[in-house]
C-alpha atoms as a PDB file:
ATOM      1  CA  UNK A   1     111.537 122.230  61.285  1.00  0.00           C
ATOM      2  CA  UNK A   2     108.410 123.221  63.166  1.00  0.00           C
ATOM      3  CA  UNK A   3     106.298 121.003  60.897  1.00  0.00           C
ATOM      4  CA  UNK A   4     108.484 117.953  61.600  1.00  0.00           C
ATOM      5  CA  UNK A   5     107.726 117.875  65.315  1.00  0.00           C
ATOM      6  CA  UNK A   6     104.048 116.850  65.039  1.00  0.00           C
ATOM      7  CA  UNK A   7     104.942 114.247  62.419  1.00  0.00           C
ATOM      8  CA  UNK A   8     107.713 112.784  64.598  1.00  0.00           C
ATOM      9  CA  UNK A   9     105.392 112.683  67.617  1.00  0.00           C
ATOM     10  CA  UNK A  10     102.671 110.979  65.576  1.00  0.00           C
ATOM     11  CA  UNK A  11     105.083 108.339  64.258  1.00  0.00           C
ATOM     12  CA  UNK A  12     106.365 107.629  67.779  1.00  0.00           C
ATOM     13  CA  UNK A  13     102.821 107.272  69.039  1.00  0.00           C
ATOM     14  CA  UNK A  14     101.880 104.868  66.222  1.00  0.00           C
ATOM     15  CA  UNK A  15     104.970 102.763  66.891  1.00  0.00           C
ATOM     16  CA  UNK A  16     103.994 102.575  70.543  1.00  0.00           C
ATOM     17  CA  UNK A  17     100.460 101.454  69.632  1.00  0.00           C
ATOM     18  CA  UNK A  18     101.758  98.805  67.263  1.00  0.00           C
ATOM     19  CA  UNK A  19     104.660  97.459  69.285  1.00  0.00           C
ATOM     20  CA  UNK A  20     104.408  98.874  72.773  1.00  0.00           C
ATOM     21  CA  UNK A  21     102.726  95.842  74.325  1.00  0.00           C
ATOM     22  CA  UNK A  22     105.311  93.473  72.878  1.00  0.00           C
ATOM     23  CA  UNK A  23     108.000  95.218  74.907  1.00  0.00           C
ATOM     24  CA  UNK A  24     106.404  94.104  78.192  1.00  0.00           C
ATOM     25  CA  UNK A  25     107.982  91.198  80.041  1.00  0.00           C
ATOM     26  CA  UNK A  26     105.525  88.313  79.897  1.00  0.00           C
ATOM     27  CA  UNK A  27     104.826  85.869  82.690  1.00  0.00           C
ATOM     28  CA  UNK A  28     106.106  83.062  80.467  1.00  0.00           C
ATOM     29  CA  UNK A  29     109.398  84.840  79.773  1.00  0.00           C
ATOM     30  CA  UNK A  30     109.922  85.609  83.459  1.00  0.00           C
ATOM     31  CA  UNK A  31     109.050  82.032  84.421  1.00  0.00           C
ATOM     32  CA  UNK A  32     111.621  80.605  82.022  1.00  0.00           C
ATOM     33  CA  UNK A  33     114.317  82.893  83.382  1.00  0.00           C
ATOM     34  CA  UNK A  34     113.527  82.328  87.077  1.00  0.00           C
ATOM     35  CA  UNK A  35     113.187  78.569  86.678  1.00  0.00           C
ATOM     36  CA  UNK A  36     116.902  78.359  85.987  1.00  0.00           C
ATOM     37  CA  UNK A  37     117.634  80.453  89.069  1.00  0.00           C
ATOM     38  CA  UNK A  38     115.403  78.994  91.782  1.00  0.00           C
ATOM     39  CA  UNK A  39     115.609  75.276  90.881  1.00  0.00           C
ATOM     40  CA  UNK A  40     112.413  74.812  92.926  1.00  0.00           C
ATOM     41  CA  UNK A  41     108.726  75.628  92.708  1.00  0.00           C
ATOM     42  CA  UNK A  42     107.794  79.299  92.713  1.00  0.00           C
ATOM     43  CA  UNK A  43     104.913  81.579  91.847  1.00  0.00           C
ATOM     44  CA  UNK A  44     105.173  84.961  90.148  1.00  0.00           C
ATOM     45  CA  UNK A  45     103.032  87.498  92.003  1.00  0.00           C
ATOM     46  CA  UNK A  46     103.566  90.595  89.890  1.00  0.00           C
ATOM     47  CA  UNK A  47     105.669  92.015  87.076  1.00  0.00           C
ATOM     48  CA  UNK A  48     106.170  95.733  86.549  1.00  0.00           C
ATOM     49  CA  UNK A  49     108.822  98.237  85.524  1.00  0.00           C
ATOM     50  CA  UNK A  50     111.506  98.605  88.168  1.00  0.00           C
ATOM     51  CA  UNK A  51     112.288 101.967  89.745  1.00  0.00           C
ATOM     52  CA  UNK A  52     115.655 101.710  87.987  1.00  0.00           C
ATOM     53  CA  UNK A  53     115.370 102.468  84.274  1.00  0.00           C
ATOM     54  CA  UNK A  54     115.980  99.538  81.934  1.00  0.00           C
ATOM     55  CA  UNK A  55     114.873  96.820  84.351  1.00  0.00           C
ATOM     56  CA  UNK A  56     111.744  94.798  84.979  1.00  0.00           C
ATOM     57  CA  UNK A  57     110.781  94.017  88.567  1.00  0.00           C
ATOM     58  CA  UNK A  58     109.501  90.482  89.203  1.00  0.00           C
ATOM     59  CA  UNK A  59     107.999  89.684  92.614  1.00  0.00           C
ATOM     60  CA  UNK A  60     107.829  85.954  93.307  1.00  0.00           C
ATOM     61  CA  UNK A  61     106.803  83.604  96.068  1.00  0.00           C
ATOM     62  CA  UNK A  62     109.357  80.896  96.803  1.00  0.00           C
ATOM     63  CA  UNK A  63     108.228  78.646  99.625  1.00  0.00           C
ATOM     64  CA  UNK A  64     107.261  80.963 102.480  1.00  0.00           C
ATOM     65  CA  UNK A  65     109.445  83.801 101.225  1.00  0.00           C
ATOM     66  CA  UNK A  66     108.813  86.696  98.865  1.00  0.00           C
ATOM     67  CA  UNK A  67     111.717  87.688  96.624  1.00  0.00           C
ATOM     68  CA  UNK A  68     112.336  90.338  93.997  1.00  0.00           C
ATOM     69  CA  UNK A  69     114.432  89.699  90.907  1.00  0.00           C
ATOM     70  CA  UNK A  70     115.284  92.400  88.367  1.00  0.00           C
ATOM     71  CA  UNK A  71     115.557  91.478  84.675  1.00  0.00           C
ATOM     72  CA  UNK A  72     116.938  93.830  82.055  1.00  0.00           C
ATOM     73  CA  UNK A  73     114.753  94.866  79.121  1.00  0.00           C
ATOM     74  CA  UNK A  74     116.821  92.752  76.698  1.00  0.00           C
ATOM     75  CA  UNK A  75     116.352  89.650  78.884  1.00  0.00           C
ATOM     76  CA  UNK A  76     120.109  89.204  78.965  1.00  0.00           C
ATOM     77  CA  UNK A  77     120.937  90.117  82.568  1.00  0.00           C
ATOM     78  CA  UNK A  78     119.383  89.193  85.908  1.00  0.00           C
ATOM     79  CA  UNK A  79     120.049  91.313  88.998  1.00  0.00           C
ATOM     80  CA  UNK A  80     119.737  89.993  92.537  1.00  0.00           C
ATOM     81  CA  UNK A  81     120.066  92.795  95.047  1.00  0.00           C
ATOM     82  CA  UNK A  82     118.461  95.883  96.512  1.00  0.00           C
ATOM     83  CA  UNK A  83     117.742  99.261  94.993  1.00  0.00           C
ATOM     84  CA  UNK A  84     118.304 102.166  97.385  1.00  0.00           C
ATOM     85  CA  UNK A  85     117.216 105.724  96.683  1.00  0.00           C
ATOM     86  CA  UNK A  86     120.234 107.854  97.595  1.00  0.00           C
ATOM     87  CA  UNK A  87     118.173 110.996  98.049  1.00  0.00           C
ATOM     88  CA  UNK A  88     115.458 109.588 100.325  1.00  0.00           C
ATOM     89  CA  UNK A  89     117.724 106.883 101.815  1.00  0.00           C
ATOM     90  CA  UNK A  90     114.873 104.424 101.312  1.00  0.00           C
ATOM     91  CA  UNK A  91     115.406 100.793 100.432  1.00  0.00           C
ATOM     92  CA  UNK A  92     112.955 100.515  97.536  1.00  0.00           C
ATOM     93  CA  UNK A  93     113.329  96.746  97.270  1.00  0.00           C
ATOM     94  CA  UNK A  94     112.471  96.088 100.918  1.00  0.00           C
ATOM     95  CA  UNK A  95     109.613  98.603 100.854  1.00  0.00           C
ATOM     96  CA  UNK A  96     108.201  96.841  97.809  1.00  0.00           C
ATOM     97  CA  UNK A  97     108.476  93.411  99.438  1.00  0.00           C
ATOM     98  CA  UNK A  98     106.581  94.699 102.456  1.00  0.00           C
ATOM     99  CA  UNK A  99     103.589  95.342 100.186  1.00  0.00           C
ATOM    100  CA  UNK A 100     103.368  91.581  99.649  1.00  0.00           C
ATOM    101  CA  UNK A 101     104.039  90.667 103.269  1.00  0.00           C
ATOM    102  CA  UNK A 102     101.354  88.477 104.803  1.00  0.00           C
ATOM    103  CA  UNK A 103     102.120  86.481 107.925  1.00  0.00           C
ATOM    104  CA  UNK A 104     100.448  83.244 108.939  1.00  0.00           C
ATOM    105  CA  UNK A 105     100.293  83.620 112.751  1.00  0.00           C
ATOM    106  CA  UNK A 106      99.891  79.870 113.144  1.00  0.00           C
ATOM    107  CA  UNK A 107     103.498  79.515 112.031  1.00  0.00           C
ATOM    108  CA  UNK A 108     104.818  81.723 114.828  1.00  0.00           C
ATOM    109  CA  UNK A 109     106.444  79.818 117.730  1.00  0.00           C
ATOM    110  CA  UNK A 110     104.241  81.076 120.580  1.00  0.00           C
ATOM    111  CA  UNK A 111     106.465  79.408 123.165  1.00  0.00           C
ATOM    112  CA  UNK A 112     109.055  82.046 122.177  1.00  0.00           C
ATOM    113  CA  UNK A 113     106.748  84.881 123.235  1.00  0.00           C
ATOM    114  CA  UNK A 114     105.636  86.431 126.519  1.00  0.00           C
ATOM    115  CA  UNK A 115     101.840  86.058 126.785  1.00  0.00           C
ATOM    116  CA  UNK A 116      99.651  88.791 128.233  1.00  0.00           C
ATOM    117  CA  UNK A 117      95.922  88.685 128.850  1.00  0.00           C
ATOM    118  CA  UNK A 118      93.366  86.211 127.616  1.00  0.00           C
ATOM    119  CA  UNK A 119      90.651  86.438 125.017  1.00  0.00           C
ATOM    120  CA  UNK A 120      89.141  85.426 121.707  1.00  0.00           C
ATOM    121  CA  UNK A 121      91.171  87.960 119.766  1.00  0.00           C
ATOM    122  CA  UNK A 122      94.906  87.483 119.288  1.00  0.00           C
ATOM    123  CA  UNK A 123      97.698  89.946 118.570  1.00  0.00           C
ATOM    124  CA  UNK A 124     101.389  89.266 118.012  1.00  0.00           C
ATOM    125  CA  UNK A 125     103.831  92.073 118.808  1.00  0.00           C
ATOM    126  CA  UNK A 126     107.563  92.292 118.102  1.00  0.00           C
ATOM    127  CA  UNK A 127     108.902  94.602 120.768  1.00  0.00           C
ATOM    128  CA  UNK A 128     112.169  96.115 121.974  1.00  0.00           C
ATOM    129  CA  UNK A 129     112.505  96.538 125.776  1.00  0.00           C
ATOM    130  CA  UNK A 130     113.975 100.034 125.278  1.00  0.00           C
ATOM    131  CA  UNK A 131     111.407 101.197 122.727  1.00  0.00           C
ATOM    132  CA  UNK A 132     109.374 104.229 123.876  1.00  0.00           C
ATOM    133  CA  UNK A 133     106.483 103.616 121.483  1.00  0.00           C
ATOM    134  CA  UNK A 134     106.455  99.938 122.476  1.00  0.00           C
ATOM    135  CA  UNK A 135     105.875 101.113 126.051  1.00  0.00           C
ATOM    136  CA  UNK A 136     103.021 103.396 124.976  1.00  0.00           C
ATOM    137  CA  UNK A 137     101.424 100.622 122.946  1.00  0.00           C
ATOM    138  CA  UNK A 138     101.808  98.180 125.829  1.00  0.00           C
ATOM    139  CA  UNK A 139      99.773 100.397 128.164  1.00  0.00           C
ATOM    140  CA  UNK A 140      97.015 100.655 125.582  1.00  0.00           C
ATOM    141  CA  UNK A 141      96.951  96.910 124.994  1.00  0.00           C
ATOM    142  CA  UNK A 142      96.350  96.384 128.714  1.00  0.00           C
ATOM    143  CA  UNK A 143      93.122  98.385 128.410  1.00  0.00           C
ATOM    144  CA  UNK A 144      91.641  96.218 125.663  1.00  0.00           C
ATOM    145  CA  UNK A 145      89.273  93.460 126.708  1.00  0.00           C
ATOM    146  CA  UNK A 146      88.932  90.044 125.114  1.00  0.00           C
ATOM    147  CA  UNK A 147      92.514  90.105 123.854  1.00  0.00           C
ATOM    148  CA  UNK A 148      95.512  87.858 124.236  1.00  0.00           C
ATOM    149  CA  UNK A 149      98.834  89.369 123.254  1.00  0.00           C
ATOM    150  CA  UNK A 150     102.020  87.475 122.449  1.00  0.00           C
ATOM    151  CA  UNK A 151     105.085  89.660 122.943  1.00  0.00           C
ATOM    152  CA  UNK A 152     108.155  88.606 120.999  1.00  0.00           C
ATOM    153  CA  UNK A 153     111.344  90.179 122.331  1.00  0.00           C
ATOM    154  CA  UNK A 154     113.066  91.729 119.338  1.00  0.00           C
ATOM    155  CA  UNK A 155     116.043  93.874 120.393  1.00  0.00           C
ATOM    156  CA  UNK A 156     117.328  96.367 117.851  1.00  0.00           C
ATOM    157  CA  UNK A 157     120.712  97.082 119.460  1.00  0.00           C
ATOM    158  CA  UNK A 158     123.266  95.445 121.732  1.00  0.00           C
ATOM    159  CA  UNK A 159     122.002  97.066 124.944  1.00  0.00           C
ATOM    160  CA  UNK A 160     118.439  95.953 124.251  1.00  0.00           C
ATOM    161  CA  UNK A 161     119.759  92.513 123.388  1.00  0.00           C
ATOM    162  CA  UNK A 162     121.297  92.089 126.841  1.00  0.00           C
ATOM    163  CA  UNK A 163     118.112  93.337 128.483  1.00  0.00           C
ATOM    164  CA  UNK A 164     116.004  90.992 126.379  1.00  0.00           C
ATOM    165  CA  UNK A 165     118.085  88.018 127.518  1.00  0.00           C
ATOM    166  CA  UNK A 166     117.692  89.010 131.174  1.00  0.00           C
ATOM    167  CA  UNK A 167     113.947  89.519 130.727  1.00  0.00           C
ATOM    168  CA  UNK A 168     113.560  86.107 129.138  1.00  0.00           C
ATOM    169  CA  UNK A 169     115.507  84.488 131.970  1.00  0.00           C
ATOM    170  CA  UNK A 170     113.456  86.258 134.685  1.00  0.00           C
ATOM    171  CA  UNK A 171     110.952  84.334 136.783  1.00  0.00           C
ATOM    172  CA  UNK A 172     108.231  86.835 135.828  1.00  0.00           C
ATOM    173  CA  UNK A 173     108.975  87.799 132.231  1.00  0.00           C
ATOM    174  CA  UNK A 174     106.024  90.148 131.786  1.00  0.00           C
ATOM    175  CA  UNK A 175     106.856  92.062 134.949  1.00  0.00           C
ATOM    176  CA  UNK A 176     110.512  92.332 133.924  1.00  0.00           C
ATOM    177  CA  UNK A 177     109.523  93.626 130.467  1.00  0.00           C
ATOM    178  CA  UNK A 178     107.229  96.264 131.986  1.00  0.00           C
ATOM    179  CA  UNK A 179     110.029  97.371 134.303  1.00  0.00           C
ATOM    180  CA  UNK A 180     112.323  97.709 131.308  1.00  0.00           C
ATOM    181  CA  UNK A 181     109.697  99.806 129.528  1.00  0.00           C
ATOM    182  CA  UNK A 182     109.722 102.172 132.502  1.00  0.00           C
ATOM    183  CA  UNK A 183     113.495 102.511 132.341  1.00  0.00           C
ATOM    184  CA  UNK A 184     114.183 100.278 135.323  1.00  0.00           C
ATOM    185  CA  UNK A 185     117.333  98.230 135.669  1.00  0.00           C
ATOM    186  CA  UNK A 186     116.838  94.544 134.968  1.00  0.00           C
ATOM    187  CA  UNK A 187     118.881  92.258 137.161  1.00  0.00           C
ATOM    188  CA  UNK A 188     121.016  90.076 134.905  1.00  0.00           C
ATOM    189  CA  UNK A 189     119.765  86.492 134.770  1.00  0.00           C
ATOM    190  CA  UNK A 190     121.221  83.584 132.910  1.00  0.00           C
ATOM    191  CA  UNK A 191     119.501  80.749 131.084  1.00  0.00           C
ATOM    192  CA  UNK A 192     119.224  79.372 127.576  1.00  0.00           C
ATOM    193  CA  UNK A 193     118.386  82.622 125.802  1.00  0.00           C
ATOM    194  CA  UNK A 194     118.718  81.296 122.260  1.00  0.00           C
ATOM    195  CA  UNK A 195     115.021  82.178 121.946  1.00  0.00           C
ATOM    196  CA  UNK A 196     116.067  85.810 121.455  1.00  0.00           C
ATOM    197  CA  UNK A 197     118.315  84.933 118.511  1.00  0.00           C
ATOM    198  CA  UNK A 198     115.514  82.857 117.056  1.00  0.00           C
ATOM    199  CA  UNK A 199     113.088  85.790 117.344  1.00  0.00           C
ATOM    200  CA  UNK A 200     115.612  88.005 115.586  1.00  0.00           C
ATOM    201  CA  UNK A 201     115.902  85.522 112.724  1.00  0.00           C
ATOM    202  CA  UNK A 202     112.116  85.315 112.400  1.00  0.00           C
ATOM    203  CA  UNK A 203     111.835  89.098 112.451  1.00  0.00           C
ATOM    204  CA  UNK A 204     114.427  89.534 109.729  1.00  0.00           C
ATOM    205  CA  UNK A 205     112.666  86.961 107.572  1.00  0.00           C
ATOM    206  CA  UNK A 206     109.435  88.936 108.053  1.00  0.00           C
ATOM    207  CA  UNK A 207     111.288  92.166 107.119  1.00  0.00           C
ATOM    208  CA  UNK A 208     110.720  93.684 110.552  1.00  0.00           C
ATOM    209  CA  UNK A 209     113.087  96.620 110.883  1.00  0.00           C
ATOM    210  CA  UNK A 210     111.406  98.658 113.629  1.00  0.00           C
ATOM    211  CA  UNK A 211     109.395  98.218 116.794  1.00  0.00           C
ATOM    212  CA  UNK A 212     106.662  97.876 117.688  1.00  0.00           C
ATOM    213  CA  UNK A 213     105.517  95.745 114.784  1.00  0.00           C
ATOM    214  CA  UNK A 214     102.039  94.275 115.067  1.00  0.00           C
ATOM    215  CA  UNK A 215     100.876  91.059 113.415  1.00  0.00           C
ATOM    216  CA  UNK A 216      97.128  90.450 113.300  1.00  0.00           C
ATOM    217  CA  UNK A 217      95.152  87.219 112.995  1.00  0.00           C
ATOM    218  CA  UNK A 218      94.302  88.083 109.397  1.00  0.00           C
ATOM    219  CA  UNK A 219      98.005  88.166 108.487  1.00  0.00           C
ATOM    220  CA  UNK A 220      98.085  91.963 108.273  1.00  0.00           C
ATOM    221  CA  UNK A 221     101.304  93.602 109.444  1.00  0.00           C
ATOM    222  CA  UNK A 222     101.548  97.150 110.773  1.00  0.00           C
ATOM    223  CA  UNK A 223     104.769  98.843 111.840  1.00  0.00           C
ATOM    224  CA  UNK A 224     104.718 101.481 114.555  1.00  0.00           C
ATOM    225  CA  UNK A 225     102.461 102.745 117.299  1.00  0.00           C
ATOM    226  CA  UNK A 226      98.702 102.454 116.732  1.00  0.00           C
ATOM    227  CA  UNK A 227      96.197 104.621 118.693  1.00  0.00           C
ATOM    228  CA  UNK A 228      93.709 102.775 120.883  1.00  0.00           C
ATOM    229  CA  UNK A 229      90.591 103.402 118.765  1.00  0.00           C
ATOM    230  CA  UNK A 230      92.322 102.342 115.543  1.00  0.00           C
ATOM    231  CA  UNK A 231      93.713  99.298 117.298  1.00  0.00           C
ATOM    232  CA  UNK A 232      90.248  98.218 118.429  1.00  0.00           C
ATOM    233  CA  UNK A 233      88.933  98.449 114.870  1.00  0.00           C
ATOM    234  CA  UNK A 234      91.872  96.527 113.441  1.00  0.00           C
ATOM    235  CA  UNK A 235      91.557  93.783 116.026  1.00  0.00           C
ATOM    236  CA  UNK A 236      87.852  93.335 115.462  1.00  0.00           C
ATOM    237  CA  UNK A 237      88.108  93.260 111.684  1.00  0.00           C
ATOM    238  CA  UNK A 238      91.066  90.842 111.703  1.00  0.00           C
ATOM    239  CA  UNK A 239      89.402  88.390 114.085  1.00  0.00           C
ATOM    240  CA  UNK A 240      86.306  87.940 111.903  1.00  0.00           C
ATOM    241  CA  UNK A 241      86.216  84.634 109.981  1.00  0.00           C
END
């Protein structure tokens, strides 16, 4: 029995060398499968084994969106959905899509944002008026020269949503936002605040799930607070042609 183990291992290895590559999902096979699904033009960005055994993961670009489709190894089933790791509680599908996230800032509706400062360099920030790290980042942004910031109100809960509407309807939106950052009460104001809902739709499409989220001129996206020195470097590198 002991002698059979090396022989079995060798046979398995030779089979892998001979046929292993043929088991991979080809771009042509994936294209044929997805063409029936999308019914529109698309581009396959990457194919690899999915984190769930028995499936291939196909990342595609459809219009302005990035989507992930899972195809079983027998090419019989297609799965549209998200894979969540129960142990880590991480959404593996969304995390994977974020790796391909690249935002064209020219497509952002700047009239939906609160501008701050003026300069050659531009930064686009999705912010929640009750977010502590948004407040910290805001104070650092005020120290940076040659920078114009566009602040998109992006409330993450119902209380922040009401504050965001009042901030947007204030005569001085930037002042009202800074007061909210400091924990001050914002006097309720009423106007057409559909801008907030629009920002929330944009944020969801860009897979923004936390604040602050920073969008740079280069299309790079960073979630979370960024220290001042790192921020300066990122701004300078992203503003270069």
